[in-house]
Each structure stands twice: as C-alpha cells, then as structure tokens.
Amino acid sequence: MRTVEAIAAIPMHHGLVLAAILFALGMIGILARRNLVFILMSIEIMLNAAGLAFVVAGARWEQADGQVMLIFILAVAAAEVSVGLALLLLLYRRFQTLDADAVSKMRG
C-alpha cells in the first residue's frame, strides 16, 4: 500500500481533529509557560499542527499542494529556531534568566 493511499484511508475529520488538538496544546503552552524555551517549543508544535492540516487536506483531494505547503512551513520553522535560539542565548547572557516576565523589563 502506498503512503498516499494509507493517508487517504484515514478520514479527513480525524486528521483535522488531531491538528486542532496539537494547535490548542501549542497555544496553551504559549499562554501558560513563562520559560522562553518552552514558548519556542509551543510555537513549533503550532507550526507542525498547521503542516499536518495541510497534508491531511491535500491527501483528501489527492493533490500535492499540502505537502508543498508543509515544506514551506518546515523552512519557516527552521529559520524561527535558528533566530529564536540566537536571541535566547543573547538574553540569557544579559539577564541570566529565560523567564519571559524578567525579559519584558528590557529598556532600549
């Protein structure tokens, strides 16, 4: 059985519900956590949920558009990780903490 056929065998509703659950978990992680590393991880979960929704929708209509969008999402996620971790290192060197409340007191 080919991979596309296996994905198409899963009902679209199940895939979209899973994507919504992942997105909600990422949103809860952003709102509930104060550690910047966990906030970045929550953003990654939300991006992966959006990618999953695109792949499920593309498999439903037997189009490759969802997979192409997933590649773009992964590229954005990679750029976000590299820039985000660089900023985290800079903030940790300056404030000796990764607490979002302590960093929000920055002055320019």
PDB file of N, CA and C in Angstrom:
ATOM      1  N   MET A   1       0.845  -1.179   0.000  1.00  0.00           N
ATOM      2  CA  MET A   1       0.000   0.000   0.000  1.00  0.00           C
ATOM      3  C   MET A   1       0.892   1.244   0.000  1.00  0.00           C
ATOM      4  N   ARG A   2       0.645   2.127  -0.908  1.00  0.00           N
ATOM      5  CA  ARG A   2       1.427   3.357  -0.987  1.00  0.00           C
ATOM      6  C   ARG A   2       1.090   4.286   0.166  1.00  0.00           C
ATOM      7  N   THR A   3       2.003   5.203   0.457  1.00  0.00           N
ATOM      8  CA  THR A   3       1.813   6.118   1.573  1.00  0.00           C
ATOM      9  C   THR A   3       0.607   7.024   1.353  1.00  0.00           C
ATOM     10  N   VAL A   4       0.436   7.511   0.130  1.00  0.00           N
ATOM     11  CA  VAL A   4      -0.698   8.398  -0.156  1.00  0.00           C
ATOM     12  C   VAL A   4      -2.010   7.648   0.048  1.00  0.00           C
ATOM     13  N   GLU A   5      -2.049   6.387  -0.357  1.00  0.00           N
ATOM     14  CA  GLU A   5      -3.258   5.604  -0.165  1.00  0.00           C
ATOM     15  C   GLU A   5      -3.522   5.357   1.310  1.00  0.00           C
ATOM     16  N   ALA A   6      -2.438   5.170   2.082  1.00  0.00           N
ATOM     17  CA  ALA A   6      -2.600   4.949   3.520  1.00  0.00           C
ATOM     18  C   ALA A   6      -3.124   6.206   4.201  1.00  0.00           C
ATOM     19  N   ILE A   7      -2.620   7.374   3.800  1.00  0.00           N
ATOM     20  CA  ILE A   7      -3.099   8.625   4.389  1.00  0.00           C
ATOM     21  C   ILE A   7      -4.530   8.893   3.949  1.00  0.00           C
ATOM     22  N   ALA A   8      -4.843   8.575   2.705  1.00  0.00           N
ATOM     23  CA  ALA A   8      -6.195   8.806   2.209  1.00  0.00           C
ATOM     24  C   ALA A   8      -7.204   7.886   2.896  1.00  0.00           C
ATOM     25  N   ALA A   9      -6.729   6.737   3.431  1.00  0.00           N
ATOM     26  CA  ALA A   9      -7.632   5.820   4.114  1.00  0.00           C
ATOM     27  C   ALA A   9      -8.078   6.371   5.467  1.00  0.00           C
ATOM     28  N   ILE A  10      -7.318   7.277   6.035  1.00  0.00           N
ATOM     29  CA  ILE A  10      -7.691   7.900   7.301  1.00  0.00           C
ATOM     30  C   ILE A  10      -8.715   8.996   7.010  1.00  0.00           C
ATOM     31  N   PRO A  11      -9.821   9.019   7.714  1.00  0.00           N
ATOM     32  CA  PRO A  11     -10.815  10.074   7.463  1.00  0.00           C
ATOM     33  C   PRO A  11     -10.230  11.473   7.713  1.00  0.00           C
ATOM     34  N   MET A  12     -10.625  12.395   6.893  1.00  0.00           N
ATOM     35  CA  MET A  12     -10.112  13.760   6.998  1.00  0.00           C
ATOM     36  C   MET A  12     -10.443  14.370   8.349  1.00  0.00           C
ATOM     37  N   HIS A  13     -11.581  14.034   8.872  1.00  0.00           N
ATOM     38  CA  HIS A  13     -12.018  14.574  10.156  1.00  0.00           C
ATOM     39  C   HIS A  13     -11.023  14.225  11.266  1.00  0.00           C
ATOM     40  N   HIS A  14     -10.521  12.997  11.263  1.00  0.00           N
ATOM     41  CA  HIS A  14      -9.589  12.569  12.307  1.00  0.00           C
ATOM     42  C   HIS A  14      -8.280  13.355  12.241  1.00  0.00           C
ATOM     43  N   GLY A  15      -7.776  13.555  11.034  1.00  0.00           N
ATOM     44  CA  GLY A  15      -6.539  14.314  10.869  1.00  0.00           C
ATOM     45  C   GLY A  15      -6.688  15.765  11.285  1.00  0.00           C
ATOM     46  N   LEU A  16      -7.822  16.375  10.940  1.00  0.00           N
ATOM     47  CA  LEU A  16      -8.036  17.773  11.308  1.00  0.00           C
ATOM     48  C   LEU A  16      -8.275  17.930  12.809  1.00  0.00           C
ATOM     49  N   VAL A  17      -8.913  16.950  13.430  1.00  0.00           N
ATOM     50  CA  VAL A  17      -9.096  17.000  14.883  1.00  0.00           C
ATOM     51  C   VAL A  17      -7.745  16.888  15.576  1.00  0.00           C
ATOM     52  N   LEU A  18      -6.877  16.009  15.090  1.00  0.00           N
ATOM     53  CA  LEU A  18      -5.536  15.887  15.654  1.00  0.00           C
ATOM     54  C   LEU A  18      -4.754  17.184  15.491  1.00  0.00           C
ATOM     55  N   ALA A  19      -4.864  17.817  14.320  1.00  0.00           N
ATOM     56  CA  ALA A  19      -4.192  19.096  14.096  1.00  0.00           C
ATOM     57  C   ALA A  19      -4.736  20.172  15.036  1.00  0.00           C
ATOM     58  N   ALA A  20      -6.040  20.184  15.259  1.00  0.00           N
ATOM     59  CA  ALA A  20      -6.632  21.169  16.172  1.00  0.00           C
ATOM     60  C   ALA A  20      -6.170  20.928  17.612  1.00  0.00           C
ATOM     61  N   ILE A  21      -6.072  19.665  18.008  1.00  0.00           N
ATOM     62  CA  ILE A  21      -5.600  19.357  19.365  1.00  0.00           C
ATOM     63  C   ILE A  21      -4.154  19.798  19.537  1.00  0.00           C
ATOM     64  N   LEU A  22      -3.313  19.511  18.541  1.00  0.00           N
ATOM     65  CA  LEU A  22      -1.917  19.944  18.617  1.00  0.00           C
ATOM     66  C   LEU A  22      -1.808  21.462  18.661  1.00  0.00           C
ATOM     67  N   PHE A  23      -2.612  22.132  17.845  1.00  0.00           N
ATOM     68  CA  PHE A  23      -2.582  23.597  17.838  1.00  0.00           C
ATOM     69  C   PHE A  23      -3.021  24.152  19.196  1.00  0.00           C
ATOM     70  N   ALA A  24      -4.060  23.554  19.775  1.00  0.00           N
ATOM     71  CA  ALA A  24      -4.534  24.010  21.084  1.00  0.00           C
ATOM     72  C   ALA A  24      -3.479  23.769  22.164  1.00  0.00           C
ATOM     73  N   LEU A  25      -2.794  22.637  22.115  1.00  0.00           N
ATOM     74  CA  LEU A  25      -1.726  22.378  23.083  1.00  0.00           C
ATOM     75  C   LEU A  25      -0.601  23.398  22.946  1.00  0.00           C
ATOM     76  N   GLY A  26      -0.268  23.746  21.707  1.00  0.00           N
ATOM     77  CA  GLY A  26       0.750  24.777  21.496  1.00  0.00           C
ATOM     78  C   GLY A  26       0.306  26.129  22.036  1.00  0.00           C
ATOM     79  N   MET A  27      -0.949  26.476  21.825  1.00  0.00           N
ATOM     80  CA  MET A  27      -1.471  27.748  22.330  1.00  0.00           C
ATOM     81  C   MET A  27      -1.474  27.771  23.854  1.00  0.00           C
ATOM     82  N   ILE A  28      -1.867  26.658  24.467  1.00  0.00           N
ATOM     83  CA  ILE A  28      -1.829  26.582  25.935  1.00  0.00           C
ATOM     84  C   ILE A  28      -0.402  26.712  26.435  1.00  0.00           C
ATOM     85  N   GLY A  29       0.542  26.101  25.736  1.00  0.00           N
ATOM     86  CA  GLY A  29       1.947  26.216  26.118  1.00  0.00           C
ATOM     87  C   GLY A  29       2.462  27.639  26.044  1.00  0.00           C
ATOM     88  N   ILE A  30       2.007  28.383  25.057  1.00  0.00           N
ATOM     89  CA  ILE A  30       2.431  29.784  24.943  1.00  0.00           C
ATOM     90  C   ILE A  30       1.823  30.624  26.063  1.00  0.00           C
ATOM     91  N   LEU A  31       0.560  30.408  26.345  1.00  0.00           N
ATOM     92  CA  LEU A  31      -0.124  31.231  27.338  1.00  0.00           C
ATOM     93  C   LEU A  31       0.228  30.858  28.781  1.00  0.00           C
ATOM     94  N   ALA A  32       0.535  29.592  29.033  1.00  0.00           N
ATOM     95  CA  ALA A  32       0.734  29.143  30.414  1.00  0.00           C
ATOM     96  C   ALA A  32       2.189  29.210  30.861  1.00  0.00           C
ATOM     97  N   ARG A  33       3.128  29.024  29.969  1.00  0.00           N
ATOM     98  CA  ARG A  33       4.533  28.946  30.357  1.00  0.00           C
ATOM     99  C   ARG A  33       5.178  30.323  30.357  1.00  0.00           C
ATOM    100  N   ARG A  34       6.168  30.478  31.205  1.00  0.00           N
ATOM    101  CA  ARG A  34       6.933  31.716  31.259  1.00  0.00           C
ATOM    102  C   ARG A  34       8.354  31.521  30.740  1.00  0.00           C
ATOM    103  N   ASN A  35       8.788  30.278  30.576  1.00  0.00           N
ATOM    104  CA  ASN A  35      10.129  29.998  30.090  1.00  0.00           C
ATOM    105  C   ASN A  35      10.154  30.168  28.574  1.00  0.00           C
ATOM    106  N   LEU A  36      11.110  30.925  28.060  1.00  0.00           N
ATOM    107  CA  LEU A  36      11.151  31.220  26.635  1.00  0.00           C
ATOM    108  C   LEU A  36      11.447  29.992  25.787  1.00  0.00           C
ATOM    109  N   VAL A  37      12.181  29.026  26.317  1.00  0.00           N
ATOM    110  CA  VAL A  37      12.449  27.802  25.563  1.00  0.00           C
ATOM    111  C   VAL A  37      11.145  27.038  25.332  1.00  0.00           C
ATOM    112  N   PHE A  38      10.312  26.929  26.369  1.00  0.00           N
ATOM    113  CA  PHE A  38       9.024  26.248  26.219  1.00  0.00           C
ATOM    114  C   PHE A  38       8.092  27.016  25.291  1.00  0.00           C
ATOM    115  N   ILE A  39       8.184  28.321  25.295  1.00  0.00           N
ATOM    116  CA  ILE A  39       7.365  29.115  24.376  1.00  0.00           C
ATOM    117  C   ILE A  39       7.767  28.836  22.934  1.00  0.00           C
ATOM    118  N   LEU A  40       9.074  28.759  22.664  1.00  0.00           N
ATOM    119  CA  LEU A  40       9.521  28.430  21.309  1.00  0.00           C
ATOM    120  C   LEU A  40       9.098  27.023  20.909  1.00  0.00           C
ATOM    121  N   MET A  41       9.151  26.082  21.846  1.00  0.00           N
ATOM    122  CA  MET A  41       8.697  24.723  21.551  1.00  0.00           C
ATOM    123  C   MET A  41       7.206  24.696  21.254  1.00  0.00           C
ATOM    124  N   SER A  42       6.431  25.515  21.944  1.00  0.00           N
ATOM    125  CA  SER A  42       4.997  25.580  21.693  1.00  0.00           C
ATOM    126  C   SER A  42       4.706  26.157  20.313  1.00  0.00           C
ATOM    127  N   ILE A  43       5.493  27.120  19.896  1.00  0.00           N
ATOM    128  CA  ILE A  43       5.332  27.673  18.547  1.00  0.00           C
ATOM    129  C   ILE A  43       5.630  26.608  17.506  1.00  0.00           C
ATOM    130  N   GLU A  44       6.644  25.787  17.765  1.00  0.00           N
ATOM    131  CA  GLU A  44       6.963  24.691  16.850  1.00  0.00           C
ATOM    132  C   GLU A  44       5.808  23.698  16.755  1.00  0.00           C
ATOM    133  N   ILE A  45       5.180  23.401  17.875  1.00  0.00           N
ATOM    134  CA  ILE A  45       4.034  22.482  17.864  1.00  0.00           C
ATOM    135  C   ILE A  45       2.896  23.073  17.038  1.00  0.00           C
ATOM    136  N   MET A  46       2.672  24.367  17.164  1.00  0.00           N
ATOM    137  CA  MET A  46       1.613  25.009  16.388  1.00  0.00           C
ATOM    138  C   MET A  46       1.923  24.985  14.890  1.00  0.00           C
ATOM    139  N   LEU A  47       3.183  25.199  14.517  1.00  0.00           N
ATOM    140  CA  LEU A  47       3.558  25.136  13.106  1.00  0.00           C
ATOM    141  C   LEU A  47       3.383  23.719  12.563  1.00  0.00           C
ATOM    142  N   ASN A  48       3.747  22.719  13.360  1.00  0.00           N
ATOM    143  CA  ASN A  48       3.565  21.336  12.922  1.00  0.00           C
ATOM    144  C   ASN A  48       2.084  20.983  12.781  1.00  0.00           C
ATOM    145  N   ALA A  49       1.241  21.536  13.644  1.00  0.00           N
ATOM    146  CA  ALA A  49      -0.198  21.303  13.527  1.00  0.00           C
ATOM    147  C   ALA A  49      -0.733  21.895  12.224  1.00  0.00           C
ATOM    148  N   ALA A  50      -0.276  23.069  11.873  1.00  0.00           N
ATOM    149  CA  ALA A  50      -0.705  23.671  10.604  1.00  0.00           C
ATOM    150  C   ALA A  50      -0.227  22.829   9.424  1.00  0.00           C
ATOM    151  N   GLY A  51       0.999  22.328   9.496  1.00  0.00           N
ATOM    152  CA  GLY A  51       1.509  21.461   8.440  1.00  0.00           C
ATOM    153  C   GLY A  51       0.715  20.178   8.314  1.00  0.00           C
ATOM    154  N   LEU A  52       0.343  19.601   9.447  1.00  0.00           N
ATOM    155  CA  LEU A  52      -0.470  18.389   9.427  1.00  0.00           C
ATOM    156  C   LEU A  52      -1.824  18.646   8.775  1.00  0.00           C
ATOM    157  N   ALA A  53      -2.429  19.776   9.069  1.00  0.00           N
ATOM    158  CA  ALA A  53      -3.716  20.111   8.460  1.00  0.00           C
ATOM    159  C   ALA A  53      -3.580  20.245   6.940  1.00  0.00           C
ATOM    160  N   PHE A  54      -2.499  20.848   6.473  1.00  0.00           N
ATOM    161  CA  PHE A  54      -2.284  20.968   5.024  1.00  0.00           C
ATOM    162  C   PHE A  54      -2.102  19.600   4.375  1.00  0.00           C
ATOM    163  N   VAL A  55      -1.337  18.722   5.017  1.00  0.00           N
ATOM    164  CA  VAL A  55      -1.099  17.392   4.440  1.00  0.00           C
ATOM    165  C   VAL A  55      -2.383  16.574   4.399  1.00  0.00           C
ATOM    166  N   VAL A  56      -3.161  16.638   5.464  1.00  0.00           N
ATOM    167  CA  VAL A  56      -4.424  15.892   5.502  1.00  0.00           C
ATOM    168  C   VAL A  56      -5.375  16.404   4.420  1.00  0.00           C
ATOM    169  N   ALA A  57      -5.479  17.713   4.277  1.00  0.00           N
ATOM    170  CA  ALA A  57      -6.365  18.270   3.257  1.00  0.00           C
ATOM    171  C   ALA A  57      -5.869  17.930   1.849  1.00  0.00           C
ATOM    172  N   GLY A  58      -4.549  17.981   1.650  1.00  0.00           N
ATOM    173  CA  GLY A  58      -4.004  17.617   0.340  1.00  0.00           C
ATOM    174  C   GLY A  58      -4.230  16.156   0.002  1.00  0.00           C
ATOM    175  N   ALA A  59      -4.130  15.285   1.004  1.00  0.00           N
ATOM    176  CA  ALA A  59      -4.371  13.856   0.769  1.00  0.00           C
ATOM    177  C   ALA A  59      -5.840  13.595   0.471  1.00  0.00           C
ATOM    178  N   ARG A  60      -6.710  14.361   1.066  1.00  0.00           N
ATOM    179  CA  ARG A  60      -8.155  14.183   0.851  1.00  0.00           C
ATOM    180  C   ARG A  60      -8.521  14.442  -0.604  1.00  0.00           C
ATOM    181  N   TRP A  61      -7.918  15.488  -1.184  1.00  0.00           N
ATOM    182  CA  TRP A  61      -8.225  15.840  -2.568  1.00  0.00           C
ATOM    183  C   TRP A  61      -7.178  15.327  -3.548  1.00  0.00           C
ATOM    184  N   GLU A  62      -6.286  14.461  -3.059  1.00  0.00           N
ATOM    185  CA  GLU A  62      -5.250  13.830  -3.875  1.00  0.00           C
ATOM    186  C   GLU A  62      -4.420  14.851  -4.639  1.00  0.00           C
ATOM    187  N   GLN A  63      -4.031  15.915  -3.941  1.00  0.00           N
ATOM    188  CA  GLN A  63      -3.189  16.953  -4.502  1.00  0.00           C
ATOM    189  C   GLN A  63      -1.896  17.042  -3.692  1.00  0.00           C
ATOM    190  N   ALA A  64      -0.829  17.464  -4.324  1.00  0.00           N
ATOM    191  CA  ALA A  64       0.458  17.591  -3.646  1.00  0.00           C
ATOM    192  C   ALA A  64       0.638  18.968  -3.002  1.00  0.00           C
ATOM    193  N   ASP A  65      -0.364  19.819  -3.098  1.00  0.00           N
ATOM    194  CA  ASP A  65      -0.252  21.173  -2.565  1.00  0.00           C
ATOM    195  C   ASP A  65      -0.013  21.175  -1.060  1.00  0.00           C
ATOM    196  N   GLY A  66      -0.643  20.262  -0.336  1.00  0.00           N
ATOM    197  CA  GLY A  66      -0.465  20.198   1.108  1.00  0.00           C
ATOM    198  C   GLY A  66       0.965  19.865   1.491  1.00  0.00           C
ATOM    199  N   GLN A  67       1.594  18.979   0.734  1.00  0.00           N
ATOM    200  CA  GLN A  67       2.975  18.619   1.015  1.00  0.00           C
ATOM    201  C   GLN A  67       3.925  19.753   0.671  1.00  0.00           C
ATOM    202  N   VAL A  68       3.618  20.490  -0.366  1.00  0.00           N
ATOM    203  CA  VAL A  68       4.439  21.660  -0.715  1.00  0.00           C
ATOM    204  C   VAL A  68       4.348  22.711   0.388  1.00  0.00           C
ATOM    205  N   MET A  69       3.146  22.943   0.893  1.00  0.00           N
ATOM    206  CA  MET A  69       2.990  23.901   1.990  1.00  0.00           C
ATOM    207  C   MET A  69       3.718  23.425   3.240  1.00  0.00           C
ATOM    208  N   LEU A  70       3.742  22.116   3.480  1.00  0.00           N
ATOM    209  CA  LEU A  70       4.475  21.582   4.618  1.00  0.00           C
ATOM    210  C   LEU A  70       5.963  21.882   4.500  1.00  0.00           C
ATOM    211  N   ILE A  71       6.505  21.796   3.309  1.00  0.00           N
ATOM    212  CA  ILE A  71       7.922  22.119   3.114  1.00  0.00           C
ATOM    213  C   ILE A  71       8.176  23.581   3.436  1.00  0.00           C
ATOM    214  N   PHE A  72       7.284  24.470   3.014  1.00  0.00           N
ATOM    215  CA  PHE A  72       7.431  25.890   3.351  1.00  0.00           C
ATOM    216  C   PHE A  72       7.332  26.110   4.860  1.00  0.00           C
ATOM    217  N   ILE A  73       6.403  25.417   5.510  1.00  0.00           N
ATOM    218  CA  ILE A  73       6.252  25.547   6.961  1.00  0.00           C
ATOM    219  C   ILE A  73       7.498  25.061   7.676  1.00  0.00           C
ATOM    220  N   LEU A  74       8.077  23.968   7.216  1.00  0.00           N
ATOM    221  CA  LEU A  74       9.302  23.461   7.832  1.00  0.00           C
ATOM    222  C   LEU A  74      10.463  24.431   7.634  1.00  0.00           C
ATOM    223  N   ALA A  75      10.521  25.096   6.493  1.00  0.00           N
ATOM    224  CA  ALA A  75      11.571  26.087   6.266  1.00  0.00           C
ATOM    225  C   ALA A  75      11.403  27.275   7.210  1.00  0.00           C
ATOM    226  N   VAL A  76      10.170  27.725   7.390  1.00  0.00           N
ATOM    227  CA  VAL A  76       9.910  28.824   8.332  1.00  0.00           C
ATOM    228  C   VAL A  76      10.244  28.398   9.753  1.00  0.00           C
ATOM    229  N   ALA A  77       9.921  27.163  10.106  1.00  0.00           N
ATOM    230  CA  ALA A  77      10.218  26.663  11.451  1.00  0.00           C
ATOM    231  C   ALA A  77      11.722  26.588  11.686  1.00  0.00           C
ATOM    232  N   ALA A  78      12.470  26.173  10.676  1.00  0.00           N
ATOM    233  CA  ALA A  78      13.928  26.110  10.826  1.00  0.00           C
ATOM    234  C   ALA A  78      14.520  27.503  11.013  1.00  0.00           C
ATOM    235  N   ALA A  79      14.021  28.468  10.262  1.00  0.00           N
ATOM    236  CA  ALA A  79      14.503  29.842  10.422  1.00  0.00           C
ATOM    237  C   ALA A  79      14.122  30.394  11.785  1.00  0.00           C
ATOM    238  N   GLU A  80      12.919  30.072  12.241  1.00  0.00           N
ATOM    239  CA  GLU A  80      12.467  30.547  13.551  1.00  0.00           C
ATOM    240  C   GLU A  80      13.316  29.958  14.662  1.00  0.00           C
ATOM    241  N   VAL A  81      13.688  28.700  14.544  1.00  0.00           N
ATOM    242  CA  VAL A  81      14.521  28.069  15.566  1.00  0.00           C
ATOM    243  C   VAL A  81      15.899  28.700  15.605  1.00  0.00           C
ATOM    244  N   SER A  82      16.492  28.923  14.465  1.00  0.00           N
ATOM    245  CA  SER A  82      17.850  29.483  14.464  1.00  0.00           C
ATOM    246  C   SER A  82      17.873  30.906  15.022  1.00  0.00           C
ATOM    247  N   VAL A  83      16.943  31.734  14.604  1.00  0.00           N
ATOM    248  CA  VAL A  83      16.891  33.104  15.115  1.00  0.00           C
ATOM    249  C   VAL A  83      16.460  33.114  16.584  1.00  0.00           C
ATOM    250  N   GLY A  84      15.485  32.282  16.927  1.00  0.00           N
ATOM    251  CA  GLY A  84      14.999  32.236  18.300  1.00  0.00           C
ATOM    252  C   GLY A  84      16.059  31.776  19.287  1.00  0.00           C
ATOM    253  N   LEU A  85      16.810  30.743  18.928  1.00  0.00           N
ATOM    254  CA  LEU A  85      17.857  30.277  19.839  1.00  0.00           C
ATOM    255  C   LEU A  85      18.988  31.291  19.966  1.00  0.00           C
ATOM    256  N   ALA A  86      19.302  31.992  18.888  1.00  0.00           N
ATOM    257  CA  ALA A  86      20.316  33.044  18.981  1.00  0.00           C
ATOM    258  C   ALA A  86      19.852  34.150  19.929  1.00  0.00           C
ATOM    259  N   LEU A  87      18.590  34.535  19.831  1.00  0.00           N
ATOM    260  CA  LEU A  87      18.058  35.548  20.741  1.00  0.00           C
ATOM    261  C   LEU A  87      18.023  35.051  22.179  1.00  0.00           C
ATOM    262  N   LEU A  88      17.691  33.781  22.374  1.00  0.00           N
ATOM    263  CA  LEU A  88      17.685  33.219  23.726  1.00  0.00           C
ATOM    264  C   LEU A  88      19.071  33.240  24.348  1.00  0.00           C
ATOM    265  N   LEU A  89      20.074  32.903  23.567  1.00  0.00           N
ATOM    266  CA  LEU A  89      21.445  32.950  24.089  1.00  0.00           C
ATOM    267  C   LEU A  89      21.838  34.367  24.477  1.00  0.00           C
ATOM    268  N   LEU A  90      21.471  35.319  23.652  1.00  0.00           N
ATOM    269  CA  LEU A  90      21.770  36.720  23.947  1.00  0.00           C
ATOM    270  C   LEU A  90      21.053  37.183  25.211  1.00  0.00           C
ATOM    271  N   LEU A  91      19.787  36.846  25.333  1.00  0.00           N
ATOM    272  CA  LEU A  91      19.023  37.236  26.516  1.00  0.00           C
ATOM    273  C   LEU A  91      19.548  36.556  27.778  1.00  0.00           C
ATOM    274  N   TYR A  92      19.948  35.296  27.656  1.00  0.00           N
ATOM    275  CA  TYR A  92      20.471  34.598  28.833  1.00  0.00           C
ATOM    276  C   TYR A  92      21.797  35.200  29.289  1.00  0.00           C
ATOM    277  N   ARG A  93      22.650  35.575  28.340  1.00  0.00           N
ATOM    278  CA  ARG A  93      23.921  36.210  28.711  1.00  0.00           C
ATOM    279  C   ARG A  93      23.692  37.556  29.387  1.00  0.00           C
ATOM    280  N   ARG A  94      22.658  38.260  28.954  1.00  0.00           N
ATOM    281  CA  ARG A  94      22.433  39.601  29.509  1.00  0.00           C
ATOM    282  C   ARG A  94      21.697  39.569  30.845  1.00  0.00           C
ATOM    283  N   PHE A  95      20.672  38.722  30.975  1.00  0.00           N
ATOM    284  CA  PHE A  95      19.819  38.734  32.169  1.00  0.00           C
ATOM    285  C   PHE A  95      20.000  37.523  33.079  1.00  0.00           C
ATOM    286  N   GLN A  96      20.747  36.506  32.652  1.00  0.00           N
ATOM    287  CA  GLN A  96      20.963  35.276  33.420  1.00  0.00           C
ATOM    288  C   GLN A  96      19.661  34.541  33.749  1.00  0.00           C
ATOM    289  N   THR A  97      18.656  34.714  32.934  1.00  0.00           N
ATOM    290  CA  THR A  97      17.387  34.008  33.099  1.00  0.00           C
ATOM    291  C   THR A  97      16.689  33.919  31.746  1.00  0.00           C
ATOM    292  N   LEU A  98      15.795  32.931  31.643  1.00  0.00           N
ATOM    293  CA  LEU A  98      14.967  32.791  30.443  1.00  0.00           C
ATOM    294  C   LEU A  98      13.499  32.999  30.766  1.00  0.00           C
ATOM    295  N   ASP A  99      13.214  33.658  31.879  1.00  0.00           N
ATOM    296  CA  ASP A  99      11.850  33.953  32.278  1.00  0.00           C
ATOM    297  C   ASP A  99      11.318  35.108  31.429  1.00  0.00           C
ATOM    298  N   ALA A 100      10.166  34.905  30.833  1.00  0.00           N
ATOM    299  CA  ALA A 100       9.602  35.930  29.931  1.00  0.00           C
ATOM    300  C   ALA A 100       9.242  37.206  30.681  1.00  0.00           C
ATOM    301  N   ASP A 101       8.835  37.107  31.942  1.00  0.00           N
ATOM    302  CA  ASP A 101       8.492  38.303  32.703  1.00  0.00           C
ATOM    303  C   ASP A 101       9.721  39.154  32.992  1.00  0.00           C
ATOM    304  N   ALA A 102      10.856  38.518  33.295  1.00  0.00           N
ATOM    305  CA  ALA A 102      12.074  39.269  33.570  1.00  0.00           C
ATOM    306  C   ALA A 102      12.603  39.942  32.315  1.00  0.00           C
ATOM    307  N   VAL A 103      12.457  39.280  31.174  1.00  0.00           N
ATOM    308  CA  VAL A 103      12.952  39.843  29.918  1.00  0.00           C
ATOM    309  C   VAL A 103      12.059  40.982  29.441  1.00  0.00           C
ATOM    310  N   SER A 104      10.791  40.983  29.822  1.00  0.00           N
ATOM    311  CA  SER A 104       9.880  42.037  29.373  1.00  0.00           C
ATOM    312  C   SER A 104      10.205  43.390  29.993  1.00  0.00           C
ATOM    313  N   LYS A 105      11.100  43.420  30.961  1.00  0.00           N
ATOM    314  CA  LYS A 105      11.504  44.680  31.599  1.00  0.00           C
ATOM    315  C   LYS A 105      12.690  45.325  30.913  1.00  0.00           C
ATOM    316  N   MET A 106      12.992  44.894  29.683  1.00  0.00           N
ATOM    317  CA  MET A 106      14.126  45.438  28.966  1.00  0.00           C
ATOM    318  C   MET A 106      13.885  46.907  28.632  1.00  0.00           C
ATOM    319  N   ARG A 107      14.962  47.622  28.569  1.00  0.00           N
ATOM    320  CA  ARG A 107      14.884  49.046  28.171  1.00  0.00           C
ATOM    321  C   ARG A 107      15.801  49.265  27.001  1.00  0.00           C
ATOM    322  N   GLY A 108      15.368  50.042  26.023  1.00  0.00           N
ATOM    323  CA  GLY A 108      16.169  50.258  24.829  1.00  0.00           C
ATOM    324  C   GLY A 108      16.926  51.502  24.942  1.00  0.00           C
TER     325      GLY A 108
END
